[in-house]
Protein backbone atom coordinates (compact mmCIF):
# COMPACT_ATOMS: atom_id res chain seq x y z
CA MET A 1 -0.86 -6.59 -20.44
CA ASN A 2 -3.38 -4.53 -19.90
CA VAL A 3 -2.32 -1.49 -18.27
CA ALA A 4 -6.01 0.68 -18.73
CA VAL A 5 -6.95 -2.38 -16.78
CA LEU A 6 -4.15 -2.17 -13.85
CA ILE A 7 -4.54 1.75 -13.66
CA ASP A 8 -8.24 1.52 -13.38
CA ARG A 9 -7.64 -0.96 -10.16
CA MET A 10 -5.62 1.34 -8.76
CA GLU A 11 -7.58 4.66 -8.99
CA ARG A 12 -10.43 2.06 -7.08
CA THR A 13 -7.82 1.57 -4.07
CA PRO A 14 -8.15 4.95 -2.46
CA LEU A 15 -12.02 4.78 -2.33
CA VAL A 16 -11.78 1.13 -0.91
CA VAL A 17 -9.27 2.25 1.83
CA ARG A 18 -11.31 4.98 2.90
CA THR A 19 -14.57 2.93 2.76
CA LEU A 20 -12.87 -0.12 5.05
CA VAL A 21 -11.67 2.39 7.92
CA SER A 22 -14.60 5.16 7.71
CA GLY A 23 -15.34 6.00 10.99
CA MET A 24 -12.84 4.08 12.96
CA SER A 25 -11.50 5.88 16.04
CA ARG A 26 -7.77 6.81 16.71
CA GLY A 27 -7.59 3.64 18.69
CA GLU A 28 -9.09 1.38 15.89
CA ALA A 29 -6.36 3.19 13.61
CA THR A 30 -3.40 2.72 15.92
CA TYR A 31 -4.13 -1.39 16.99
CA LYS A 32 -0.87 -3.15 16.47
CA PRO A 33 -1.88 -6.42 17.02
CA PRO A 34 0.54 -8.76 19.30
CA SER A 35 2.28 -9.61 16.53
CA GLY A 36 3.80 -6.74 15.96
CA ALA A 37 2.52 -5.94 12.83
CA TRP A 38 1.79 -2.74 11.37
CA SER A 39 -1.58 -0.56 12.30
CA ILE A 40 -4.42 0.39 9.47
CA LEU A 41 -2.77 4.01 10.44
CA GLU A 42 0.93 2.69 9.66
CA ILE A 43 -0.78 0.52 6.39
CA VAL A 44 -2.41 3.65 5.23
CA ASN A 45 0.87 6.22 5.34
CA HIS A 46 2.88 2.94 3.49
CA LEU A 47 0.73 3.31 0.55
CA ALA A 48 1.46 6.89 0.00
CA ASP A 49 4.89 6.94 0.76
CA GLU A 50 5.17 3.72 -1.72
CA ASP A 51 3.44 5.67 -4.76
CA SER A 52 5.63 8.83 -4.24
CA ASP A 53 9.00 7.12 -3.43
CA ASP A 54 8.83 3.40 -4.72
CA PHE A 55 6.44 2.91 -7.71
CA ARG A 56 6.60 5.73 -9.33
CA ALA A 57 9.70 7.28 -8.50
CA ARG A 58 11.13 3.26 -9.53
CA LEU A 59 9.60 3.03 -12.46
CA GLY A 60 10.00 6.32 -13.84
CA MET A 61 13.76 5.61 -13.59
CA ILE A 62 13.44 2.17 -15.55
CA LEU A 63 11.83 3.92 -18.34
CA THR A 64 13.84 6.73 -18.37
CA ASP A 65 17.21 5.37 -17.48
CA PRO A 66 17.41 1.57 -16.89
CA ALA A 67 20.79 2.22 -15.63
CA ALA A 68 20.66 4.16 -13.16
CA PRO A 69 20.27 3.41 -9.42
CA TRP A 70 17.05 3.35 -7.62
CA PRO A 71 16.66 5.28 -4.40
CA GLY A 72 16.90 3.23 -1.45
CA THR A 73 13.42 2.34 0.31
CA ASP A 74 12.66 1.22 3.88
CA PRO A 75 9.04 0.67 4.66
CA GLU A 76 9.85 -0.47 8.37
CA GLY A 77 12.52 2.35 8.60
CA TRP A 78 10.10 4.92 7.40
CA ALA A 79 6.95 3.79 9.48
CA VAL A 80 9.68 4.98 12.52
CA ARG A 81 10.76 7.79 11.70
CA ARG A 82 8.39 9.70 9.75
CA LYS A 83 6.26 9.03 13.03
CA TYR A 84 3.12 7.10 11.40
CA GLN A 85 2.01 5.94 13.91
CA GLU A 86 1.28 9.65 15.24
CA ARG A 87 -0.40 11.06 12.42
CA ASP A 88 -3.78 11.78 11.65
CA LEU A 89 -5.69 8.90 9.79
CA ALA A 90 -8.10 11.44 7.59
CA GLU A 91 -5.10 13.50 6.58
CA SER A 92 -3.07 10.35 5.67
CA ILE A 93 -5.91 9.07 3.41
CA SER A 94 -6.25 12.06 1.97
CA ARG A 95 -2.56 12.09 1.21
CA PHE A 96 -3.13 8.77 -0.61
CA GLU A 97 -5.31 9.80 -2.46
CA LYS A 98 -3.08 12.53 -3.47
CA GLU A 99 -0.44 10.58 -4.10
CA ARG A 100 -1.82 8.14 -6.00
CA ALA A 101 -3.86 10.99 -7.96
CA GLU A 102 -0.81 12.26 -9.10
CA SER A 103 0.84 8.92 -9.98
CA LEU A 104 -2.19 7.90 -12.17
CA ARG A 105 -1.93 11.43 -13.97
CA TRP A 106 1.74 10.28 -14.70
CA LEU A 107 0.95 6.43 -15.95
CA ARG A 108 -2.03 8.03 -18.14
CA SER A 109 0.82 10.38 -19.51
CA LEU A 110 3.18 7.71 -20.46
CA LYS A 111 3.42 7.92 -24.09
CA ASP A 112 4.08 3.87 -25.23
CA PRO A 113 6.27 3.17 -22.29
CA ASP A 114 9.13 0.22 -22.69
CA TRP A 115 7.70 -2.40 -20.65
CA GLU A 116 10.50 -4.46 -21.42
CA ALA A 117 12.82 -2.02 -20.16
CA THR A 118 14.82 -3.89 -17.25
CA TYR A 119 16.67 -2.31 -13.88
CA LEU A 120 19.72 -5.12 -12.83
CA HIS A 121 18.39 -5.29 -9.16
CA PRO A 122 21.17 -5.69 -6.83
CA ASN A 123 18.88 -8.29 -4.35
CA HIS A 124 15.99 -9.36 -6.80
CA GLY A 125 17.59 -9.52 -10.41
CA PRO A 126 16.04 -8.30 -13.75
CA VAL A 127 13.08 -5.94 -12.90
CA LYS A 128 11.07 -5.17 -16.10
CA ALA A 129 9.04 -1.78 -15.61
CA GLY A 130 5.84 -4.17 -16.99
CA GLU A 131 6.69 -5.72 -13.82
CA LEU A 132 6.79 -3.10 -11.85
CA MET A 133 3.20 -2.26 -13.28
CA VAL A 134 1.41 -5.20 -12.26
CA SER A 135 2.97 -5.37 -9.03
CA TRP A 136 1.80 -1.78 -8.28
CA PRO A 137 -1.87 -2.93 -7.62
CA ALA A 138 -0.56 -6.11 -6.36
CA HIS A 139 0.89 -4.80 -3.67
CA ASP A 140 -2.31 -2.64 -3.22
CA ALA A 141 -4.32 -6.02 -2.76
CA LEU A 142 -1.88 -6.93 -0.51
CA HIS A 143 -2.52 -4.15 1.82
CA ILE A 144 -5.86 -3.63 1.67
CA ARG A 145 -5.95 -7.76 3.24
CA GLN A 146 -3.73 -6.71 5.53
CA ILE A 147 -6.31 -3.66 6.75
CA ALA A 148 -9.18 -6.71 6.43
CA LYS A 149 -7.32 -8.90 9.60
CA ARG A 150 -6.71 -6.02 11.42
CA LEU A 151 -10.56 -5.36 11.46
CA TYR A 152 -10.62 -9.20 11.75
CA GLU A 153 -8.56 -8.91 15.40
CA LEU A 154 -10.38 -5.48 16.19
CA ALA A 155 -13.49 -7.95 15.91
CA GLY A 156 -11.92 -10.31 18.50
CA ARG A 157 -10.58 -7.88 20.38
CA GLU A 158 -13.92 -6.27 21.01
CA GLY A 159 -15.69 -9.71 21.77
CA ALA A 160 -12.81 -10.74 23.64
CA ARG A 161 -13.57 -8.19 26.34
CA GLU A 162 -17.22 -9.68 27.18
CA GLY A 163 -16.07 -13.42 26.97
CA TYR A 164 -17.09 -13.79 23.44
CA SER A 165 -14.89 -15.25 20.29
CA THR A 166 -14.41 -14.69 16.54
CA ARG A 167 -14.69 -18.90 15.71
CA TYR A 168 -18.33 -18.64 14.43
CA ALA A 169 -16.80 -16.30 11.97
CA GLY A 170 -14.37 -19.00 10.70
CA GLU A 171 -10.69 -18.77 11.03
CA TRP A 172 -8.96 -15.97 9.59
CA GLY A 173 -6.71 -18.41 6.65
CA ALA A 174 -6.72 -15.82 3.63
């Protein structure tokens, strides 16, 4: 596993997210599709919380004490309880950038981590530190794709107001 490549990829994620949502109105940022999937604002806040409360915390625990129980996570509940939809997009992006910078600083400070250290997750079974490490940038990619889908849906919504469709662009199938 080339951790440096993974870290470099993770370092670019906040800029990718910031670029994708630059200049977005509040209405666009809080738009939720009929499916009820998260808005862009919720996705950005989720990314920040995942850095601080999930990946960084849990990877740290595996590397220091693999038998210690992990703190609970509740992404859907956090979105509601932490009022993601009421937050400011620019502040949320800044918070994600800050959390990611802290994660990168911490990852780069690790000295010869044991990527084979394993936590026995009650639902997922054995989870190795290396699996968490490779899952972190993969998680970023899933949410970048989710932001792209909201952008696709927003374009369709704009066109539909005037009777236009996005059919020429192609169907969403990523």
